[in-house]
Amino acid sequence: MLQRPGLDAAIPAGKGVDAALPAGSRARPLRERVLLILWPAFVMAGVLEALVFVVVDPGSLHWFGAEPLQWSASAVYSVTFLIFWGVVATSGALTQLLDAPGPPTQ
């Protein structure tokens, strides 16, 4: 039997870490964890885009000092939204990764 600090129950050999978690705190399925990352990231990407384009004109964007981008406003909005969504989702995924329980102690 393995013991985890802070838990009263012992882990039966071969049952895995989930067997020692208190009732109701089992590991979430992958689909649920992905949705918990992507949905808030989607909302925050929308907020970031609104905040950025209140002060930035999409028609006046330049690529590192070169000629202005020849994209339509909706293309600039779409690409920017996807970039913001990816960055915020990566942040959320790293948070989930760092919050994962470690291996059981023996």
PDB file of N, CA and C in Angstrom:
ATOM      1  N   MET A   1       0.824  -1.173   0.000  1.00  0.00           N
ATOM      2  CA  MET A   1       0.000   0.000   0.000  1.00  0.00           C
ATOM      3  C   MET A   1       0.877   1.249   0.000  1.00  0.00           C
ATOM      4  N   LEU A   2       0.520   2.208  -0.856  1.00  0.00           N
ATOM      5  CA  LEU A   2       1.239   3.473  -0.934  1.00  0.00           C
ATOM      6  C   LEU A   2       0.494   4.514  -0.118  1.00  0.00           C
ATOM      7  N   GLN A   3       1.210   5.429   0.456  1.00  0.00           N
ATOM      8  CA  GLN A   3       0.604   6.515   1.219  1.00  0.00           C
ATOM      9  C   GLN A   3       0.905   7.835   0.534  1.00  0.00           C
ATOM     10  N   ARG A   4      -0.075   8.711   0.457  1.00  0.00           N
ATOM     11  CA  ARG A   4       0.140  10.063  -0.051  1.00  0.00           C
ATOM     12  C   ARG A   4      -0.029  11.015   1.113  1.00  0.00           C
ATOM     13  N   PRO A   5       0.899  11.941   1.264  1.00  0.00           N
ATOM     14  CA  PRO A   5       0.773  12.907   2.360  1.00  0.00           C
ATOM     15  C   PRO A   5      -0.532  13.679   2.258  1.00  0.00           C
ATOM     16  N   GLY A   6      -1.179  13.892   3.381  1.00  0.00           N
ATOM     17  CA  GLY A   6      -2.400  14.682   3.415  1.00  0.00           C
ATOM     18  C   GLY A   6      -3.655  13.897   3.116  1.00  0.00           C
ATOM     19  N   LEU A   7      -3.535  12.619   2.787  1.00  0.00           N
ATOM     20  CA  LEU A   7      -4.707  11.799   2.515  1.00  0.00           C
ATOM     21  C   LEU A   7      -4.764  10.680   3.544  1.00  0.00           C
ATOM     22  N   ASP A   8      -5.950  10.374   4.036  1.00  0.00           N
ATOM     23  CA  ASP A   8      -6.096   9.339   5.047  1.00  0.00           C
ATOM     24  C   ASP A   8      -6.057   7.947   4.442  1.00  0.00           C
ATOM     25  N   ALA A   9      -6.531   7.808   3.220  1.00  0.00           N
ATOM     26  CA  ALA A   9      -6.639   6.485   2.619  1.00  0.00           C
ATOM     27  C   ALA A   9      -5.322   6.051   1.995  1.00  0.00           C
ATOM     28  N   ALA A  10      -5.077   4.779   2.026  1.00  0.00           N
ATOM     29  CA  ALA A  10      -3.904   4.216   1.370  1.00  0.00           C
ATOM     30  C   ALA A  10      -4.287   3.860  -0.061  1.00  0.00           C
ATOM     31  N   ILE A  11      -3.314   3.879  -0.938  1.00  0.00           N
ATOM     32  CA  ILE A  11      -3.545   3.529  -2.335  1.00  0.00           C
ATOM     33  C   ILE A  11      -3.270   2.041  -2.495  1.00  0.00           C
ATOM     34  N   PRO A  12      -4.261   1.256  -2.888  1.00  0.00           N
ATOM     35  CA  PRO A  12      -3.984  -0.148  -3.143  1.00  0.00           C
ATOM     36  C   PRO A  12      -3.020  -0.263  -4.318  1.00  0.00           C
ATOM     37  N   ALA A  13      -2.078  -1.152  -4.222  1.00  0.00           N
ATOM     38  CA  ALA A  13      -1.080  -1.325  -5.278  1.00  0.00           C
ATOM     39  C   ALA A  13      -1.776  -1.600  -6.603  1.00  0.00           C
ATOM     40  N   GLY A  14      -1.339  -0.888  -7.650  1.00  0.00           N
ATOM     41  CA  GLY A  14      -1.889  -1.088  -8.988  1.00  0.00           C
ATOM     42  C   GLY A  14      -3.163  -0.314  -9.262  1.00  0.00           C
ATOM     43  N   LYS A  15      -3.695   0.448  -8.303  1.00  0.00           N
ATOM     44  CA  LYS A  15      -4.938   1.185  -8.510  1.00  0.00           C
ATOM     45  C   LYS A  15      -4.703   2.574  -9.069  1.00  0.00           C
ATOM     46  N   GLY A  16      -3.488   3.092  -9.040  1.00  0.00           N
ATOM     47  CA  GLY A  16      -3.187   4.401  -9.591  1.00  0.00           C
ATOM     48  C   GLY A  16      -3.456   5.519  -8.607  1.00  0.00           C
ATOM     49  N   VAL A  17      -3.082   6.707  -8.997  1.00  0.00           N
ATOM     50  CA  VAL A  17      -3.192   7.882  -8.132  1.00  0.00           C
ATOM     51  C   VAL A  17      -4.644   8.246  -7.882  1.00  0.00           C
ATOM     52  N   ASP A  18      -5.530   8.070  -8.871  1.00  0.00           N
ATOM     53  CA  ASP A  18      -6.932   8.454  -8.713  1.00  0.00           C
ATOM     54  C   ASP A  18      -7.620   7.728  -7.569  1.00  0.00           C
ATOM     55  N   ALA A  19      -7.148   6.540  -7.221  1.00  0.00           N
ATOM     56  CA  ALA A  19      -7.783   5.788  -6.145  1.00  0.00           C
ATOM     57  C   ALA A  19      -7.625   6.488  -4.805  1.00  0.00           C
ATOM     58  N   ALA A  20      -6.588   7.305  -4.646  1.00  0.00           N
ATOM     59  CA  ALA A  20      -6.352   7.973  -3.365  1.00  0.00           C
ATOM     60  C   ALA A  20      -6.992   9.343  -3.275  1.00  0.00           C
ATOM     61  N   LEU A  21      -7.517   9.855  -4.367  1.00  0.00           N
ATOM     62  CA  LEU A  21      -8.143  11.173  -4.324  1.00  0.00           C
ATOM     63  C   LEU A  21      -9.464  11.095  -3.591  1.00  0.00           C
ATOM     64  N   PRO A  22      -9.803  12.144  -2.856  1.00  0.00           N
ATOM     65  CA  PRO A  22     -11.090  12.152  -2.168  1.00  0.00           C
ATOM     66  C   PRO A  22     -12.236  12.038  -3.170  1.00  0.00           C
ATOM     67  N   ALA A  23     -13.366  11.515  -2.707  1.00  0.00           N
ATOM     68  CA  ALA A  23     -14.529  11.350  -3.593  1.00  0.00           C
ATOM     69  C   ALA A  23     -14.917  12.685  -4.200  1.00  0.00           C
ATOM     70  N   GLY A  24     -15.244  12.694  -5.472  1.00  0.00           N
ATOM     71  CA  GLY A  24     -15.646  13.910  -6.150  1.00  0.00           C
ATOM     72  C   GLY A  24     -14.485  14.718  -6.719  1.00  0.00           C
ATOM     73  N   SER A  25     -13.249  14.267  -6.518  1.00  0.00           N
ATOM     74  CA  SER A  25     -12.116  15.029  -7.048  1.00  0.00           C
ATOM     75  C   SER A  25     -11.273  14.177  -7.989  1.00  0.00           C
ATOM     76  N   ARG A  26     -11.902  13.293  -8.708  1.00  0.00           N
ATOM     77  CA  ARG A  26     -11.203  12.467  -9.692  1.00  0.00           C
ATOM     78  C   ARG A  26     -10.647  13.352 -10.803  1.00  0.00           C
ATOM     79  N   ALA A  27      -9.636  12.858 -11.480  1.00  0.00           N
ATOM     80  CA  ALA A  27      -9.048  13.617 -12.587  1.00  0.00           C
ATOM     81  C   ALA A  27     -10.111  13.854 -13.655  1.00  0.00           C
ATOM     82  N   ARG A  28     -10.090  15.045 -14.237  1.00  0.00           N
ATOM     83  CA  ARG A  28     -11.069  15.395 -15.265  1.00  0.00           C
ATOM     84  C   ARG A  28     -10.695  14.717 -16.581  1.00  0.00           C
ATOM     85  N   PRO A  29     -11.696  14.377 -17.397  1.00  0.00           N
ATOM     86  CA  PRO A  29     -11.406  13.821 -18.718  1.00  0.00           C
ATOM     87  C   PRO A  29     -10.699  14.859 -19.596  1.00  0.00           C
ATOM     88  N   LEU A  30      -9.955  14.389 -20.569  1.00  0.00           N
ATOM     89  CA  LEU A  30      -9.187  15.276 -21.447  1.00  0.00           C
ATOM     90  C   LEU A  30     -10.082  16.298 -22.133  1.00  0.00           C
ATOM     91  N   ARG A  31     -11.234  15.874 -22.615  1.00  0.00           N
ATOM     92  CA  ARG A  31     -12.142  16.792 -23.319  1.00  0.00           C
ATOM     93  C   ARG A  31     -12.545  17.958 -22.411  1.00  0.00           C
ATOM     94  N   GLU A  32     -12.838  17.650 -21.165  1.00  0.00           N
ATOM     95  CA  GLU A  32     -13.244  18.693 -20.228  1.00  0.00           C
ATOM     96  C   GLU A  32     -12.079  19.637 -19.924  1.00  0.00           C
ATOM     97  N   ARG A  33     -10.869  19.090 -19.756  1.00  0.00           N
ATOM     98  CA  ARG A  33      -9.710  19.939 -19.493  1.00  0.00           C
ATOM     99  C   ARG A  33      -9.420  20.857 -20.679  1.00  0.00           C
ATOM    100  N   VAL A  34      -9.559  20.335 -21.893  1.00  0.00           N
ATOM    101  CA  VAL A  34      -9.325  21.151 -23.090  1.00  0.00           C
ATOM    102  C   VAL A  34     -10.350  22.280 -23.169  1.00  0.00           C
ATOM    103  N   LEU A  35     -11.616  21.969 -22.898  1.00  0.00           N
ATOM    104  CA  LEU A  35     -12.652  23.008 -22.928  1.00  0.00           C
ATOM    105  C   LEU A  35     -12.447  24.045 -21.830  1.00  0.00           C
ATOM    106  N   LEU A  36     -11.938  23.605 -20.672  1.00  0.00           N
ATOM    107  CA  LEU A  36     -11.661  24.545 -19.592  1.00  0.00           C
ATOM    108  C   LEU A  36     -10.511  25.488 -19.938  1.00  0.00           C
ATOM    109  N   ILE A  37      -9.699  25.117 -20.898  1.00  0.00           N
ATOM    110  CA  ILE A  37      -8.619  25.989 -21.361  1.00  0.00           C
ATOM    111  C   ILE A  37      -9.099  26.872 -22.511  1.00  0.00           C
ATOM    112  N   LEU A  38      -9.765  26.259 -23.495  1.00  0.00           N
ATOM    113  CA  LEU A  38     -10.098  26.990 -24.719  1.00  0.00           C
ATOM    114  C   LEU A  38     -11.227  28.011 -24.559  1.00  0.00           C
ATOM    115  N   TRP A  39     -12.248  27.705 -23.754  1.00  0.00           N
ATOM    116  CA  TRP A  39     -13.364  28.642 -23.655  1.00  0.00           C
ATOM    117  C   TRP A  39     -12.957  29.966 -23.001  1.00  0.00           C
ATOM    118  N   PRO A  40     -12.313  29.966 -21.827  1.00  0.00           N
ATOM    119  CA  PRO A  40     -11.891  31.261 -21.277  1.00  0.00           C
ATOM    120  C   PRO A  40     -10.885  31.974 -22.175  1.00  0.00           C
ATOM    121  N   ALA A  41     -10.034  31.207 -22.868  1.00  0.00           N
ATOM    122  CA  ALA A  41      -9.076  31.824 -23.788  1.00  0.00           C
ATOM    123  C   ALA A  41      -9.806  32.504 -24.938  1.00  0.00           C
ATOM    124  N   PHE A  42     -10.878  31.885 -25.430  1.00  0.00           N
ATOM    125  CA  PHE A  42     -11.689  32.466 -26.502  1.00  0.00           C
ATOM    126  C   PHE A  42     -12.287  33.797 -26.050  1.00  0.00           C
ATOM    127  N   VAL A  43     -12.849  33.808 -24.861  1.00  0.00           N
ATOM    128  CA  VAL A  43     -13.478  35.031 -24.339  1.00  0.00           C
ATOM    129  C   VAL A  43     -12.424  36.128 -24.163  1.00  0.00           C
ATOM    130  N   MET A  44     -11.282  35.782 -23.576  1.00  0.00           N
ATOM    131  CA  MET A  44     -10.247  36.788 -23.335  1.00  0.00           C
ATOM    132  C   MET A  44      -9.611  37.271 -24.644  1.00  0.00           C
ATOM    133  N   ALA A  45      -9.523  36.411 -25.649  1.00  0.00           N
ATOM    134  CA  ALA A  45      -9.013  36.858 -26.948  1.00  0.00           C
ATOM    135  C   ALA A  45      -9.942  37.915 -27.538  1.00  0.00           C
ATOM    136  N   GLY A  46     -11.241  37.728 -27.371  1.00  0.00           N
ATOM    137  CA  GLY A  46     -12.191  38.741 -27.831  1.00  0.00           C
ATOM    138  C   GLY A  46     -12.029  40.056 -27.095  1.00  0.00           C
ATOM    139  N   VAL A  47     -11.826  39.976 -25.791  1.00  0.00           N
ATOM    140  CA  VAL A  47     -11.621  41.191 -24.998  1.00  0.00           C
ATOM    141  C   VAL A  47     -10.327  41.885 -25.421  1.00  0.00           C
ATOM    142  N   LEU A  48      -9.241  41.117 -25.563  1.00  0.00           N
ATOM    143  CA  LEU A  48      -7.964  41.703 -25.983  1.00  0.00           C
ATOM    144  C   LEU A  48      -8.075  42.367 -27.351  1.00  0.00           C
ATOM    145  N   GLU A  49      -8.757  41.700 -28.262  1.00  0.00           N
ATOM    146  CA  GLU A  49      -8.899  42.272 -29.603  1.00  0.00           C
ATOM    147  C   GLU A  49      -9.673  43.585 -29.559  1.00  0.00           C
ATOM    148  N   ALA A  50     -10.732  43.603 -28.776  1.00  0.00           N
ATOM    149  CA  ALA A  50     -11.505  44.838 -28.648  1.00  0.00           C
ATOM    150  C   ALA A  50     -10.642  45.959 -28.062  1.00  0.00           C
ATOM    151  N   LEU A  51      -9.861  45.634 -27.044  1.00  0.00           N
ATOM    152  CA  LEU A  51      -9.004  46.653 -26.426  1.00  0.00           C
ATOM    153  C   LEU A  51      -7.927  47.157 -27.381  1.00  0.00           C
ATOM    154  N   VAL A  52      -7.330  46.246 -28.153  1.00  0.00           N
ATOM    155  CA  VAL A  52      -6.260  46.649 -29.078  1.00  0.00           C
ATOM    156  C   VAL A  52      -6.817  47.499 -30.209  1.00  0.00           C
ATOM    157  N   PHE A  53      -7.924  47.059 -30.804  1.00  0.00           N
ATOM    158  CA  PHE A  53      -8.416  47.771 -31.983  1.00  0.00           C
ATOM    159  C   PHE A  53      -9.252  48.997 -31.653  1.00  0.00           C
ATOM    160  N   VAL A  54      -9.401  49.303 -30.378  1.00  0.00           N
ATOM    161  CA  VAL A  54      -9.952  50.603 -30.005  1.00  0.00           C
ATOM    162  C   VAL A  54      -8.916  51.680 -30.296  1.00  0.00           C
ATOM    163  N   VAL A  55      -7.636  51.334 -30.154  1.00  0.00           N
ATOM    164  CA  VAL A  55      -6.561  52.321 -30.331  1.00  0.00           C
ATOM    165  C   VAL A  55      -5.723  52.102 -31.593  1.00  0.00           C
ATOM    166  N   VAL A  56      -5.871  50.965 -32.278  1.00  0.00           N
ATOM    167  CA  VAL A  56      -5.067  50.670 -33.473  1.00  0.00           C
ATOM    168  C   VAL A  56      -5.988  50.554 -34.685  1.00  0.00           C
ATOM    169  N   ASP A  57      -5.610  51.239 -35.751  1.00  0.00           N
ATOM    170  CA  ASP A  57      -6.352  51.143 -37.010  1.00  0.00           C
ATOM    171  C   ASP A  57      -5.772  49.983 -37.816  1.00  0.00           C
ATOM    172  N   PRO A  58      -6.575  48.963 -38.171  1.00  0.00           N
ATOM    173  CA  PRO A  58      -6.031  47.824 -38.907  1.00  0.00           C
ATOM    174  C   PRO A  58      -5.479  48.193 -40.286  1.00  0.00           C
ATOM    175  N   GLY A  59      -5.910  49.293 -40.835  1.00  0.00           N
ATOM    176  CA  GLY A  59      -5.402  49.727 -42.133  1.00  0.00           C
ATOM    177  C   GLY A  59      -4.027  50.376 -42.064  1.00  0.00           C
ATOM    178  N   SER A  60      -3.588  50.736 -40.868  1.00  0.00           N
ATOM    179  CA  SER A  60      -2.291  51.412 -40.746  1.00  0.00           C
ATOM    180  C   SER A  60      -1.199  50.506 -40.185  1.00  0.00           C
ATOM    181  N   LEU A  61      -1.444  49.204 -40.154  1.00  0.00           N
ATOM    182  CA  LEU A  61      -0.434  48.274 -39.625  1.00  0.00           C
ATOM    183  C   LEU A  61       0.701  48.077 -40.622  1.00  0.00           C
ATOM    184  N   HIS A  62       1.924  48.060 -40.106  1.00  0.00           N
ATOM    185  CA  HIS A  62       3.118  47.819 -40.919  1.00  0.00           C
ATOM    186  C   HIS A  62       3.824  46.597 -40.367  1.00  0.00           C
ATOM    187  N   TRP A  63       4.427  45.803 -41.262  1.00  0.00           N
ATOM    188  CA  TRP A  63       5.175  44.625 -40.842  1.00  0.00           C
ATOM    189  C   TRP A  63       6.626  45.022 -40.619  1.00  0.00           C
ATOM    190  N   PHE A  64       7.005  45.324 -39.384  1.00  0.00           N
ATOM    191  CA  PHE A  64       8.362  45.712 -38.987  1.00  0.00           C
ATOM    192  C   PHE A  64       8.917  46.850 -39.842  1.00  0.00           C
ATOM    193  N   GLY A  65       8.140  47.891 -40.006  1.00  0.00           N
ATOM    194  CA  GLY A  65       8.589  49.091 -40.695  1.00  0.00           C
ATOM    195  C   GLY A  65       8.514  49.030 -42.209  1.00  0.00           C
ATOM    196  N   ALA A  66       8.068  47.951 -42.774  1.00  0.00           N
ATOM    197  CA  ALA A  66       7.955  47.821 -44.237  1.00  0.00           C
ATOM    198  C   ALA A  66       6.662  48.496 -44.704  1.00  0.00           C
ATOM    199  N   GLU A  67       6.255  48.152 -45.890  1.00  0.00           N
ATOM    200  CA  GLU A  67       5.015  48.691 -46.458  1.00  0.00           C
ATOM    201  C   GLU A  67       3.818  48.311 -45.582  1.00  0.00           C
ATOM    202  N   PRO A  68       2.758  49.096 -45.624  1.00  0.00           N
ATOM    203  CA  PRO A  68       1.554  48.717 -44.865  1.00  0.00           C
ATOM    204  C   PRO A  68       1.007  47.372 -45.347  1.00  0.00           C
ATOM    205  N   LEU A  69       0.420  46.622 -44.434  1.00  0.00           N
ATOM    206  CA  LEU A  69      -0.195  45.344 -44.815  1.00  0.00           C
ATOM    207  C   LEU A  69      -1.341  45.611 -45.781  1.00  0.00           C
ATOM    208  N   GLN A  70      -1.432  44.818 -46.805  1.00  0.00           N
ATOM    209  CA  GLN A  70      -2.489  44.975 -47.804  1.00  0.00           C
ATOM    210  C   GLN A  70      -3.628  43.998 -47.523  1.00  0.00           C
ATOM    211  N   TRP A  71      -3.983  43.838 -46.262  1.00  0.00           N
ATOM    212  CA  TRP A  71      -5.051  42.930 -45.863  1.00  0.00           C
ATOM    213  C   TRP A  71      -6.323  43.725 -45.593  1.00  0.00           C
ATOM    214  N   SER A  72      -7.443  43.062 -45.749  1.00  0.00           N
ATOM    215  CA  SER A  72      -8.700  43.707 -45.386  1.00  0.00           C
ATOM    216  C   SER A  72      -8.772  43.800 -43.857  1.00  0.00           C
ATOM    217  N   ALA A  73      -9.633  44.674 -43.394  1.00  0.00           N
ATOM    218  CA  ALA A  73      -9.786  44.842 -41.942  1.00  0.00           C
ATOM    219  C   ALA A  73     -10.237  43.540 -41.286  1.00  0.00           C
ATOM    220  N   SER A  74     -11.147  42.818 -41.934  1.00  0.00           N
ATOM    221  CA  SER A  74     -11.623  41.566 -41.330  1.00  0.00           C
ATOM    222  C   SER A  74     -10.519  40.509 -41.274  1.00  0.00           C
ATOM    223  N   ALA A  75      -9.604  40.509 -42.253  1.00  0.00           N
ATOM    224  CA  ALA A  75      -8.473  39.573 -42.207  1.00  0.00           C
ATOM    225  C   ALA A  75      -7.544  39.915 -41.044  1.00  0.00           C
ATOM    226  N   VAL A  76      -7.285  41.188 -40.835  1.00  0.00           N
ATOM    227  CA  VAL A  76      -6.440  41.610 -39.713  1.00  0.00           C
ATOM    228  C   VAL A  76      -7.113  41.243 -38.390  1.00  0.00           C
ATOM    229  N   TYR A  77      -8.408  41.491 -38.274  1.00  0.00           N
ATOM    230  CA  TYR A  77      -9.134  41.145 -37.054  1.00  0.00           C
ATOM    231  C   TYR A  77      -9.079  39.633 -36.802  1.00  0.00           C
ATOM    232  N   SER A  78      -9.293  38.850 -37.849  1.00  0.00           N
ATOM    233  CA  SER A  78      -9.322  37.392 -37.700  1.00  0.00           C
ATOM    234  C   SER A  78      -7.966  36.834 -37.289  1.00  0.00           C
ATOM    235  N   VAL A  79      -6.913  37.245 -37.980  1.00  0.00           N
ATOM    236  CA  VAL A  79      -5.572  36.741 -37.664  1.00  0.00           C
ATOM    237  C   VAL A  79      -5.162  37.179 -36.258  1.00  0.00           C
ATOM    238  N   THR A  80      -5.451  38.414 -35.918  1.00  0.00           N
ATOM    239  CA  THR A  80      -5.116  38.908 -34.581  1.00  0.00           C
ATOM    240  C   THR A  80      -5.875  38.136 -33.512  1.00  0.00           C
ATOM    241  N   PHE A  81      -7.148  37.878 -33.747  1.00  0.00           N
ATOM    242  CA  PHE A  81      -7.935  37.108 -32.786  1.00  0.00           C
ATOM    243  C   PHE A  81      -7.331  35.722 -32.590  1.00  0.00           C
ATOM    244  N   LEU A  82      -6.964  35.051 -33.680  1.00  0.00           N
ATOM    245  CA  LEU A  82      -6.386  33.708 -33.565  1.00  0.00           C
ATOM    246  C   LEU A  82      -5.043  33.728 -32.834  1.00  0.00           C
ATOM    247  N   ILE A  83      -4.243  34.759 -33.060  1.00  0.00           N
ATOM    248  CA  ILE A  83      -2.968  34.882 -32.340  1.00  0.00           C
ATOM    249  C   ILE A  83      -3.231  35.079 -30.845  1.00  0.00           C
ATOM    250  N   PHE A  84      -4.140  35.977 -30.506  1.00  0.00           N
ATOM    251  CA  PHE A  84      -4.473  36.206 -29.096  1.00  0.00           C
ATOM    252  C   PHE A  84      -5.025  34.931 -28.456  1.00  0.00           C
ATOM    253  N   TRP A  85      -5.895  34.230 -29.174  1.00  0.00           N
ATOM    254  CA  TRP A  85      -6.487  33.000 -28.644  1.00  0.00           C
ATOM    255  C   TRP A  85      -5.400  31.956 -28.393  1.00  0.00           C
ATOM    256  N   GLY A  86      -4.481  31.820 -29.319  1.00  0.00           N
ATOM    257  CA  GLY A  86      -3.391  30.861 -29.144  1.00  0.00           C
ATOM    258  C   GLY A  86      -2.498  31.189 -27.958  1.00  0.00           C
ATOM    259  N   VAL A  87      -2.178  32.459 -27.782  1.00  0.00           N
ATOM    260  CA  VAL A  87      -1.311  32.868 -26.674  1.00  0.00           C
ATOM    261  C   VAL A  87      -2.003  32.647 -25.332  1.00  0.00           C
ATOM    262  N   VAL A  88      -3.257  33.056 -25.225  1.00  0.00           N
ATOM    263  CA  VAL A  88      -3.971  32.893 -23.954  1.00  0.00           C
ATOM    264  C   VAL A  88      -4.227  31.413 -23.675  1.00  0.00           C
ATOM    265  N   ALA A  89      -4.534  30.617 -24.699  1.00  0.00           N
ATOM    266  CA  ALA A  89      -4.742  29.177 -24.509  1.00  0.00           C
ATOM    267  C   ALA A  89      -3.449  28.491 -24.077  1.00  0.00           C
ATOM    268  N   THR A  90      -2.321  28.910 -24.626  1.00  0.00           N
ATOM    269  CA  THR A  90      -1.034  28.347 -24.211  1.00  0.00           C
ATOM    270  C   THR A  90      -0.771  28.656 -22.744  1.00  0.00           C
ATOM    271  N   SER A  91      -1.091  29.850 -22.329  1.00  0.00           N
ATOM    272  CA  SER A  91      -0.941  30.211 -20.919  1.00  0.00           C
ATOM    273  C   SER A  91      -1.814  29.328 -20.030  1.00  0.00           C
ATOM    274  N   GLY A  92      -3.049  29.122 -20.425  1.00  0.00           N
ATOM    275  CA  GLY A  92      -3.952  28.265 -19.655  1.00  0.00           C
ATOM    276  C   GLY A  92      -3.490  26.817 -19.629  1.00  0.00           C
ATOM    277  N   ALA A  93      -2.973  26.333 -20.765  1.00  0.00           N
ATOM    278  CA  ALA A  93      -2.481  24.949 -20.824  1.00  0.00           C
ATOM    279  C   ALA A  93      -1.262  24.762 -19.923  1.00  0.00           C
ATOM    280  N   LEU A  94      -0.382  25.753 -19.895  1.00  0.00           N
ATOM    281  CA  LEU A  94       0.776  25.665 -19.005  1.00  0.00           C
ATOM    282  C   LEU A  94       0.341  25.683 -17.540  1.00  0.00           C
ATOM    283  N   THR A  95      -0.674  26.460 -17.232  1.00  0.00           N
ATOM    284  CA  THR A  95      -1.196  26.482 -15.875  1.00  0.00           C
ATOM    285  C   THR A  95      -1.762  25.113 -15.502  1.00  0.00           C
ATOM    286  N   GLN A  96      -2.520  24.497 -16.399  1.00  0.00           N
ATOM    287  CA  GLN A  96      -3.052  23.151 -16.152  1.00  0.00           C
ATOM    288  C   GLN A  96      -1.923  22.143 -15.966  1.00  0.00           C
ATOM    289  N   LEU A  97      -0.895  22.256 -16.781  1.00  0.00           N
ATOM    290  CA  LEU A  97       0.240  21.335 -16.689  1.00  0.00           C
ATOM    291  C   LEU A  97       0.949  21.480 -15.352  1.00  0.00           C
ATOM    292  N   LEU A  98       1.143  22.708 -14.909  1.00  0.00           N
ATOM    293  CA  LEU A  98       1.830  22.933 -13.638  1.00  0.00           C
ATOM    294  C   LEU A  98       0.962  22.557 -12.439  1.00  0.00           C
ATOM    295  N   ASP A  99      -0.352  22.527 -12.618  1.00  0.00           N
ATOM    296  CA  ASP A  99      -1.264  22.189 -11.536  1.00  0.00           C
ATOM    297  C   ASP A  99      -1.490  20.685 -11.413  1.00  0.00           C
ATOM    298  N   ALA A 100      -0.999  19.905 -12.361  1.00  0.00           N
ATOM    299  CA  ALA A 100      -1.206  18.455 -12.339  1.00  0.00           C
ATOM    300  C   ALA A 100      -0.541  17.844 -11.117  1.00  0.00           C
ATOM    301  N   PRO A 101      -1.192  16.826 -10.517  1.00  0.00           N
ATOM    302  CA  PRO A 101      -0.586  16.209  -9.353  1.00  0.00           C
ATOM    303  C   PRO A 101       0.687  15.462  -9.736  1.00  0.00           C
ATOM    304  N   GLY A 102       1.629  15.457  -8.842  1.00  0.00           N
ATOM    305  CA  GLY A 102       2.875  14.755  -9.064  1.00  0.00           C
ATOM    306  C   GLY A 102       2.720  13.270  -8.824  1.00  0.00           C
ATOM    307  N   PRO A 103       3.794  12.531  -8.978  1.00  0.00           N
ATOM    308  CA  PRO A 103       3.707  11.094  -8.742  1.00  0.00           C
ATOM    309  C   PRO A 103       3.511  10.818  -7.249  1.00  0.00           C
ATOM    310  N   PRO A 104       2.887   9.701  -6.924  1.00  0.00           N
ATOM    311  CA  PRO A 104       2.672   9.393  -5.512  1.00  0.00           C
ATOM    312  C   PRO A 104       3.999   9.135  -4.799  1.00  0.00           C
ATOM    313  N   THR A 105       4.056   9.530  -3.558  1.00  0.00           N
ATOM    314  CA  THR A 105       5.257   9.271  -2.768  1.00  0.00           C
ATOM    315  C   THR A 105       5.162   7.904  -2.134  1.00  0.00           C
ATOM    316  N   GLN A 106       6.289   7.321  -1.899  1.00  0.00           N
ATOM    317  CA  GLN A 106       6.287   5.972  -1.317  1.00  0.00           C
ATOM    318  C   GLN A 106       6.726   5.997   0.111  1.00  0.00           C
TER     319      GLN A 106
END
